[in-house]
Amino acid sequence: MLMCTLGAKNEDATLKLMTSLRDYVRDGSGTNCDVSREVGLAVCEAFEQADKEPINREKSHERKGANDRPTHGEGLSITRG
């Protein structure tokens, strides 16, 4: 759902979705809530932040050859505040 609201640039729907998720992890209970609290919220916040930052297309073309591929997780950084 978040990817849809971000892709559509629907800021109101994104805000409602993120508010709902934050309420859920604050007030909810159970396994799904625990996973959402420990992982889901941080991932959604990272997607939301990435959507707000401009893409540096020049940097994406700095690979040495056509067959060079980034390694799994290369350049990935998710932090919690």
PDB file of N, CA and C in Angstrom:
ATOM      1  N   MET A   1       0.825  -1.177   0.000  1.00  0.00           N
ATOM      2  CA  MET A   1       0.000   0.000   0.000  1.00  0.00           C
ATOM      3  C   MET A   1       0.878   1.254   0.000  1.00  0.00           C
ATOM      4  N   LEU A   2       1.935   1.253   0.819  1.00  0.00           N
ATOM      5  CA  LEU A   2       2.808   2.425   0.896  1.00  0.00           C
ATOM      6  C   LEU A   2       3.449   2.716  -0.454  1.00  0.00           C
ATOM      7  N   MET A   3       3.884   1.673  -1.146  1.00  0.00           N
ATOM      8  CA  MET A   3       4.519   1.883  -2.452  1.00  0.00           C
ATOM      9  C   MET A   3       3.534   2.535  -3.422  1.00  0.00           C
ATOM     10  N   CYS A   4       2.258   2.201  -3.305  1.00  0.00           N
ATOM     11  CA  CYS A   4       1.224   2.806  -4.161  1.00  0.00           C
ATOM     12  C   CYS A   4       1.062   4.285  -3.859  1.00  0.00           C
ATOM     13  N   THR A   5       0.980   4.638  -2.578  1.00  0.00           N
ATOM     14  CA  THR A   5       0.779   6.045  -2.225  1.00  0.00           C
ATOM     15  C   THR A   5       2.009   6.878  -2.572  1.00  0.00           C
ATOM     16  N   LEU A   6       3.191   6.304  -2.388  1.00  0.00           N
ATOM     17  CA  LEU A   6       4.412   7.032  -2.746  1.00  0.00           C
ATOM     18  C   LEU A   6       4.510   7.199  -4.262  1.00  0.00           C
ATOM     19  N   GLY A   7       4.255   6.125  -4.994  1.00  0.00           N
ATOM     20  CA  GLY A   7       4.330   6.178  -6.458  1.00  0.00           C
ATOM     21  C   GLY A   7       3.332   7.148  -7.059  1.00  0.00           C
ATOM     22  N   ALA A   8       2.163   7.246  -6.440  1.00  0.00           N
ATOM     23  CA  ALA A   8       1.128   8.161  -6.922  1.00  0.00           C
ATOM     24  C   ALA A   8       1.346   9.585  -6.427  1.00  0.00           C
ATOM     25  N   LYS A   9       2.379   9.790  -5.609  1.00  0.00           N
ATOM     26  CA  LYS A   9       2.670  11.101  -5.009  1.00  0.00           C
ATOM     27  C   LYS A   9       1.454  11.624  -4.231  1.00  0.00           C
ATOM     28  N   ASN A  10       0.750  10.685  -3.588  1.00  0.00           N
ATOM     29  CA  ASN A  10      -0.428  11.032  -2.797  1.00  0.00           C
ATOM     30  C   ASN A  10       0.016  11.221  -1.344  1.00  0.00           C
ATOM     31  N   GLU A  11       0.438  12.431  -1.035  1.00  0.00           N
ATOM     32  CA  GLU A  11       1.006  12.721   0.285  1.00  0.00           C
ATOM     33  C   GLU A  11      -0.012  12.548   1.406  1.00  0.00           C
ATOM     34  N   ASP A  12      -1.268  12.891   1.152  1.00  0.00           N
ATOM     35  CA  ASP A  12      -2.305  12.734   2.189  1.00  0.00           C
ATOM     36  C   ASP A  12      -2.492  11.264   2.553  1.00  0.00           C
ATOM     37  N   ALA A  13      -2.564  10.397   1.535  1.00  0.00           N
ATOM     38  CA  ALA A  13      -2.744   8.970   1.792  1.00  0.00           C
ATOM     39  C   ALA A  13      -1.511   8.384   2.480  1.00  0.00           C
ATOM     40  N   THR A  14      -0.317   8.843   2.076  1.00  0.00           N
ATOM     41  CA  THR A  14       0.914   8.381   2.714  1.00  0.00           C
ATOM     42  C   THR A  14       0.928   8.776   4.187  1.00  0.00           C
ATOM     43  N   LEU A  15       0.562  10.005   4.472  1.00  0.00           N
ATOM     44  CA  LEU A  15       0.523  10.475   5.857  1.00  0.00           C
ATOM     45  C   LEU A  15      -0.470   9.659   6.685  1.00  0.00           C
ATOM     46  N   LYS A  16      -1.653   9.412   6.147  1.00  0.00           N
ATOM     47  CA  LYS A  16      -2.660   8.610   6.860  1.00  0.00           C
ATOM     48  C   LYS A  16      -2.156   7.195   7.116  1.00  0.00           C
ATOM     49  N   LEU A  17      -1.526   6.593   6.113  1.00  0.00           N
ATOM     50  CA  LEU A  17      -1.003   5.236   6.250  1.00  0.00           C
ATOM     51  C   LEU A  17       0.090   5.174   7.318  1.00  0.00           C
ATOM     52  N   MET A  18       1.020   6.125   7.285  1.00  0.00           N
ATOM     53  CA  MET A  18       2.118   6.132   8.256  1.00  0.00           C
ATOM     54  C   MET A  18       1.603   6.438   9.663  1.00  0.00           C
ATOM     55  N   THR A  19       0.623   7.311   9.776  1.00  0.00           N
ATOM     56  CA  THR A  19       0.028   7.604  11.084  1.00  0.00           C
ATOM     57  C   THR A  19      -0.648   6.360  11.632  1.00  0.00           C
ATOM     58  N   SER A  20      -1.364   5.657  10.784  1.00  0.00           N
ATOM     59  CA  SER A  20      -2.034   4.427  11.193  1.00  0.00           C
ATOM     60  C   SER A  20      -1.026   3.370  11.643  1.00  0.00           C
ATOM     61  N   LEU A  21       0.071   3.232  10.901  1.00  0.00           N
ATOM     62  CA  LEU A  21       1.104   2.260  11.263  1.00  0.00           C
ATOM     63  C   LEU A  21       1.742   2.633  12.601  1.00  0.00           C
ATOM     64  N   ARG A  22       2.037   3.901  12.795  1.00  0.00           N
ATOM     65  CA  ARG A  22       2.636   4.342  14.064  1.00  0.00           C
ATOM     66  C   ARG A  22       1.682   4.108  15.238  1.00  0.00           C
ATOM     67  N   ASP A  23       0.395   4.366  15.037  1.00  0.00           N
ATOM     68  CA  ASP A  23      -0.601   4.092  16.077  1.00  0.00           C
ATOM     69  C   ASP A  23      -0.653   2.603  16.389  1.00  0.00           C
ATOM     70  N   TYR A  24      -0.632   1.791  15.348  1.00  0.00           N
ATOM     71  CA  TYR A  24      -0.693   0.341  15.508  1.00  0.00           C
ATOM     72  C   TYR A  24       0.492  -0.189  16.312  1.00  0.00           C
ATOM     73  N   VAL A  25       1.707   0.239  15.968  1.00  0.00           N
ATOM     74  CA  VAL A  25       2.876  -0.284  16.690  1.00  0.00           C
ATOM     75  C   VAL A  25       2.949   0.269  18.115  1.00  0.00           C
ATOM     76  N   ARG A  26       2.345   1.415  18.342  1.00  0.00           N
ATOM     77  CA  ARG A  26       2.309   1.981  19.694  1.00  0.00           C
ATOM     78  C   ARG A  26       1.279   1.261  20.567  1.00  0.00           C
ATOM     79  N   ASP A  27       0.105   0.993  20.019  1.00  0.00           N
ATOM     80  CA  ASP A  27      -1.008   0.493  20.819  1.00  0.00           C
ATOM     81  C   ASP A  27      -1.322  -0.988  20.640  1.00  0.00           C
ATOM     82  N   GLY A  28      -0.811  -1.604  19.570  1.00  0.00           N
ATOM     83  CA  GLY A  28      -1.183  -2.974  19.252  1.00  0.00           C
ATOM     84  C   GLY A  28      -0.416  -4.017  20.054  1.00  0.00           C
ATOM     85  N   SER A  29      -0.788  -5.263  19.815  1.00  0.00           N
ATOM     86  CA  SER A  29      -0.103  -6.381  20.470  1.00  0.00           C
ATOM     87  C   SER A  29      -0.130  -7.583  19.541  1.00  0.00           C
ATOM     88  N   GLY A  30       0.696  -8.549  19.845  1.00  0.00           N
ATOM     89  CA  GLY A  30       0.753  -9.780  19.055  1.00  0.00           C
ATOM     90  C   GLY A  30       1.982  -9.828  18.170  1.00  0.00           C
ATOM     91  N   THR A  31       2.137 -10.969  17.520  1.00  0.00           N
ATOM     92  CA  THR A  31       3.325 -11.213  16.691  1.00  0.00           C
ATOM     93  C   THR A  31       3.428 -10.229  15.532  1.00  0.00           C
ATOM     94  N   ASN A  32       2.323 -10.004  14.821  1.00  0.00           N
ATOM     95  CA  ASN A  32       2.363  -9.089  13.686  1.00  0.00           C
ATOM     96  C   ASN A  32       2.748  -7.683  14.136  1.00  0.00           C
ATOM     97  N   CYS A  33       2.208  -7.269  15.255  1.00  0.00           N
ATOM     98  CA  CYS A  33       2.541  -5.945  15.786  1.00  0.00           C
ATOM     99  C   CYS A  33       4.022  -5.880  16.184  1.00  0.00           C
ATOM    100  N   ASP A  34       4.517  -6.946  16.800  1.00  0.00           N
ATOM    101  CA  ASP A  34       5.930  -6.983  17.193  1.00  0.00           C
ATOM    102  C   ASP A  34       6.842  -6.848  15.981  1.00  0.00           C
ATOM    103  N   VAL A  35       6.531  -7.585  14.914  1.00  0.00           N
ATOM    104  CA  VAL A  35       7.345  -7.519  13.695  1.00  0.00           C
ATOM    105  C   VAL A  35       7.214  -6.136  13.057  1.00  0.00           C
ATOM    106  N   SER A  36       6.014  -5.602  13.034  1.00  0.00           N
ATOM    107  CA  SER A  36       5.809  -4.255  12.481  1.00  0.00           C
ATOM    108  C   SER A  36       6.594  -3.222  13.278  1.00  0.00           C
ATOM    109  N   ARG A  37       6.634  -3.381  14.573  1.00  0.00           N
ATOM    110  CA  ARG A  37       7.353  -2.453  15.453  1.00  0.00           C
ATOM    111  C   ARG A  37       8.865  -2.561  15.233  1.00  0.00           C
ATOM    112  N   GLU A  38       9.361  -3.789  15.147  1.00  0.00           N
ATOM    113  CA  GLU A  38      10.812  -4.010  15.056  1.00  0.00           C
ATOM    114  C   GLU A  38      11.371  -3.785  13.648  1.00  0.00           C
ATOM    115  N   VAL A  39      10.575  -4.076  12.612  1.00  0.00           N
ATOM    116  CA  VAL A  39      11.093  -4.024  11.247  1.00  0.00           C
ATOM    117  C   VAL A  39      10.239  -3.143  10.338  1.00  0.00           C
ATOM    118  N   GLY A  40       8.951  -3.378  10.344  1.00  0.00           N
ATOM    119  CA  GLY A  40       8.059  -2.740   9.374  1.00  0.00           C
ATOM    120  C   GLY A  40       8.083  -1.232   9.384  1.00  0.00           C
ATOM    121  N   LEU A  41       8.008  -0.633  10.556  1.00  0.00           N
ATOM    122  CA  LEU A  41       7.987   0.823  10.641  1.00  0.00           C
ATOM    123  C   LEU A  41       9.281   1.421  10.089  1.00  0.00           C
ATOM    124  N   ALA A  42      10.414   0.843  10.454  1.00  0.00           N
ATOM    125  CA  ALA A  42      11.704   1.364   9.966  1.00  0.00           C
ATOM    126  C   ALA A  42      11.814   1.251   8.449  1.00  0.00           C
ATOM    127  N   VAL A  43      11.340   0.144   7.881  1.00  0.00           N
ATOM    128  CA  VAL A  43      11.393  -0.037   6.429  1.00  0.00           C
ATOM    129  C   VAL A  43      10.488   0.982   5.741  1.00  0.00           C
ATOM    130  N   CYS A  44       9.286   1.156   6.261  1.00  0.00           N
ATOM    131  CA  CYS A  44       8.361   2.129   5.668  1.00  0.00           C
ATOM    132  C   CYS A  44       8.911   3.550   5.767  1.00  0.00           C
ATOM    133  N   GLU A  45       9.507   3.881   6.892  1.00  0.00           N
ATOM    134  CA  GLU A  45      10.103   5.211   7.046  1.00  0.00           C
ATOM    135  C   GLU A  45      11.271   5.401   6.077  1.00  0.00           C
ATOM    136  N   ALA A  46      12.027   4.338   5.837  1.00  0.00           N
ATOM    137  CA  ALA A  46      13.143   4.422   4.884  1.00  0.00           C
ATOM    138  C   ALA A  46      12.622   4.643   3.462  1.00  0.00           C
ATOM    139  N   PHE A  47      11.559   3.932   3.076  1.00  0.00           N
ATOM    140  CA  PHE A  47      10.959   4.145   1.757  1.00  0.00           C
ATOM    141  C   PHE A  47      10.422   5.567   1.635  1.00  0.00           C
ATOM    142  N   GLU A  48       9.775   6.046   2.677  1.00  0.00           N
ATOM    143  CA  GLU A  48       9.219   7.391   2.676  1.00  0.00           C
ATOM    144  C   GLU A  48      10.341   8.424   2.512  1.00  0.00           C
ATOM    145  N   GLN A  49      11.436   8.254   3.234  1.00  0.00           N
ATOM    146  CA  GLN A  49      12.569   9.174   3.137  1.00  0.00           C
ATOM    147  C   GLN A  49      13.220   9.098   1.760  1.00  0.00           C
ATOM    148  N   ALA A  50      13.391   7.895   1.240  1.00  0.00           N
ATOM    149  CA  ALA A  50      14.007   7.728  -0.077  1.00  0.00           C
ATOM    150  C   ALA A  50      13.164   8.404  -1.155  1.00  0.00           C
ATOM    151  N   ASP A  51      11.855   8.371  -0.995  1.00  0.00           N
ATOM    152  CA  ASP A  51      10.966   9.003  -1.972  1.00  0.00           C
ATOM    153  C   ASP A  51      11.123  10.521  -1.968  1.00  0.00           C
ATOM    154  N   LYS A  52      11.523  11.081  -0.855  1.00  0.00           N
ATOM    155  CA  LYS A  52      11.673  12.535  -0.734  1.00  0.00           C
ATOM    156  C   LYS A  52      13.007  13.037  -1.271  1.00  0.00           C
ATOM    157  N   GLU A  53      13.988  12.150  -1.395  1.00  0.00           N
ATOM    158  CA  GLU A  53      15.330  12.558  -1.822  1.00  0.00           C
ATOM    159  C   GLU A  53      15.465  12.442  -3.334  1.00  0.00           C
ATOM    160  N   PRO A  54      16.132  13.414  -3.958  1.00  0.00           N
ATOM    161  CA  PRO A  54      16.332  13.343  -5.412  1.00  0.00           C
ATOM    162  C   PRO A  54      17.260  12.190  -5.786  1.00  0.00           C
ATOM    163  N   ILE A  55      17.045  11.638  -6.953  1.00  0.00           N
ATOM    164  CA  ILE A  55      17.873  10.538  -7.446  1.00  0.00           C
ATOM    165  C   ILE A  55      19.100  11.115  -8.134  1.00  0.00           C
ATOM    166  N   ASN A  56      20.279  10.622  -7.782  1.00  0.00           N
ATOM    167  CA  ASN A  56      21.518  11.036  -8.420  1.00  0.00           C
ATOM    168  C   ASN A  56      21.809  10.040  -9.538  1.00  0.00           C
ATOM    169  N   ARG A  57      21.350  10.344 -10.743  1.00  0.00           N
ATOM    170  CA  ARG A  57      21.484   9.419 -11.873  1.00  0.00           C
ATOM    171  C   ARG A  57      22.933   9.250 -12.306  1.00  0.00           C
ATOM    172  N   GLU A  58      23.769  10.264 -12.140  1.00  0.00           N
ATOM    173  CA  GLU A  58      25.174  10.148 -12.527  1.00  0.00           C
ATOM    174  C   GLU A  58      25.868   9.066 -11.716  1.00  0.00           C
ATOM    175  N   LYS A  59      25.593   9.001 -10.443  1.00  0.00           N
ATOM    176  CA  LYS A  59      26.227   8.019  -9.573  1.00  0.00           C
ATOM    177  C   LYS A  59      25.851   6.599  -9.971  1.00  0.00           C
ATOM    178  N   SER A  60      24.633   6.385 -10.479  1.00  0.00           N
ATOM    179  CA  SER A  60      24.199   5.046 -10.843  1.00  0.00           C
ATOM    180  C   SER A  60      24.929   4.524 -12.083  1.00  0.00           C
ATOM    181  N   HIS A  61      25.600   5.394 -12.839  1.00  0.00           N
ATOM    182  CA  HIS A  61      26.318   4.980 -14.045  1.00  0.00           C
ATOM    183  C   HIS A  61      27.811   4.819 -13.816  1.00  0.00           C
ATOM    184  N   GLU A  62      28.261   4.768 -12.572  1.00  0.00           N
ATOM    185  CA  GLU A  62      29.682   4.694 -12.267  1.00  0.00           C
ATOM    186  C   GLU A  62      30.230   3.269 -12.235  1.00  0.00           C
ATOM    187  N   ARG A  63      29.435   2.285 -12.599  1.00  0.00           N
ATOM    188  CA  ARG A  63      29.915   0.906 -12.606  1.00  0.00           C
ATOM    189  C   ARG A  63      30.993   0.734 -13.669  1.00  0.00           C
ATOM    190  N   LYS A  64      31.885  -0.219 -13.443  1.00  0.00           N
ATOM    191  CA  LYS A  64      33.024  -0.416 -14.332  1.00  0.00           C
ATOM    192  C   LYS A  64      32.631  -1.052 -15.656  1.00  0.00           C
ATOM    193  N   GLY A  65      31.687  -1.961 -15.641  1.00  0.00           N
ATOM    194  CA  GLY A  65      31.302  -2.642 -16.867  1.00  0.00           C
ATOM    195  C   GLY A  65      29.829  -2.957 -16.891  1.00  0.00           C
ATOM    196  N   ALA A  66      29.351  -3.363 -18.056  1.00  0.00           N
ATOM    197  CA  ALA A  66      27.921  -3.620 -18.212  1.00  0.00           C
ATOM    198  C   ALA A  66      27.442  -4.774 -17.337  1.00  0.00           C
ATOM    199  N   ASN A  67      28.331  -5.725 -17.031  1.00  0.00           N
ATOM    200  CA  ASN A  67      27.933  -6.886 -16.240  1.00  0.00           C
ATOM    201  C   ASN A  67      28.163  -6.711 -14.748  1.00  0.00           C
ATOM    202  N   ASP A  68      28.728  -5.585 -14.342  1.00  0.00           N
ATOM    203  CA  ASP A  68      28.927  -5.338 -12.913  1.00  0.00           C
ATOM    204  C   ASP A  68      27.579  -5.115 -12.246  1.00  0.00           C
ATOM    205  N   ARG A  69      27.367  -5.783 -11.162  1.00  0.00           N
ATOM    206  CA  ARG A  69      26.126  -5.647 -10.405  1.00  0.00           C
ATOM    207  C   ARG A  69      26.489  -5.353  -8.952  1.00  0.00           C
ATOM    208  N   PRO A  70      25.687  -4.544  -8.290  1.00  0.00           N
ATOM    209  CA  PRO A  70      25.962  -4.315  -6.872  1.00  0.00           C
ATOM    210  C   PRO A  70      25.738  -5.593  -6.090  1.00  0.00           C
ATOM    211  N   THR A  71      26.503  -5.763  -5.027  1.00  0.00           N
ATOM    212  CA  THR A  71      26.312  -6.928  -4.180  1.00  0.00           C
ATOM    213  C   THR A  71      25.073  -6.738  -3.337  1.00  0.00           C
ATOM    214  N   HIS A  72      24.553  -7.815  -2.819  1.00  0.00           N
ATOM    215  CA  HIS A  72      23.326  -7.769  -2.013  1.00  0.00           C
ATOM    216  C   HIS A  72      23.507  -6.805  -0.845  1.00  0.00           C
ATOM    217  N   GLY A  73      22.639  -5.797  -0.767  1.00  0.00           N
ATOM    218  CA  GLY A  73      22.679  -4.846   0.337  1.00  0.00           C
ATOM    219  C   GLY A  73      23.707  -3.733   0.197  1.00  0.00           C
ATOM    220  N   GLU A  74      24.421  -3.703  -0.915  1.00  0.00           N
ATOM    221  CA  GLU A  74      25.456  -2.681  -1.118  1.00  0.00           C
ATOM    222  C   GLU A  74      24.834  -1.299  -1.046  1.00  0.00           C
ATOM    223  N   GLY A  75      25.375  -0.455  -0.198  1.00  0.00           N
ATOM    224  CA  GLY A  75      24.910   0.910  -0.089  1.00  0.00           C
ATOM    225  C   GLY A  75      23.629   1.067   0.714  1.00  0.00           C
ATOM    226  N   LEU A  76      23.119  -0.024   1.267  1.00  0.00           N
ATOM    227  CA  LEU A  76      21.878   0.027   2.028  1.00  0.00           C
ATOM    228  C   LEU A  76      22.161   0.451   3.447  1.00  0.00           C
ATOM    229  N   SER A  77      21.443   1.448   3.914  1.00  0.00           N
ATOM    230  CA  SER A  77      21.628   1.935   5.262  1.00  0.00           C
ATOM    231  C   SER A  77      20.291   2.371   5.835  1.00  0.00           C
ATOM    232  N   ILE A  78      19.822   1.631   6.827  1.00  0.00           N
ATOM    233  CA  ILE A  78      18.578   1.979   7.500  1.00  0.00           C
ATOM    234  C   ILE A  78      18.913   2.260   8.958  1.00  0.00           C
ATOM    235  N   THR A  79      18.589   3.454   9.384  1.00  0.00           N
ATOM    236  CA  THR A  79      18.872   3.821  10.772  1.00  0.00           C
ATOM    237  C   THR A  79      17.587   4.210  11.466  1.00  0.00           C
ATOM    238  N   ARG A  80      17.591   4.039  12.746  1.00  0.00           N
ATOM    239  CA  ARG A  80      16.455   4.470  13.567  1.00  0.00           C
ATOM    240  C   ARG A  80      16.858   5.685  14.359  1.00  0.00           C
ATOM    241  N   GLY A  81      15.928   6.610  14.483  1.00  0.00           N
ATOM    242  CA  GLY A  81      16.211   7.832  15.219  1.00  0.00           C
ATOM    243  C   GLY A  81      15.777   7.763  16.642  1.00  0.00           C
TER     244      GLY A  81
END
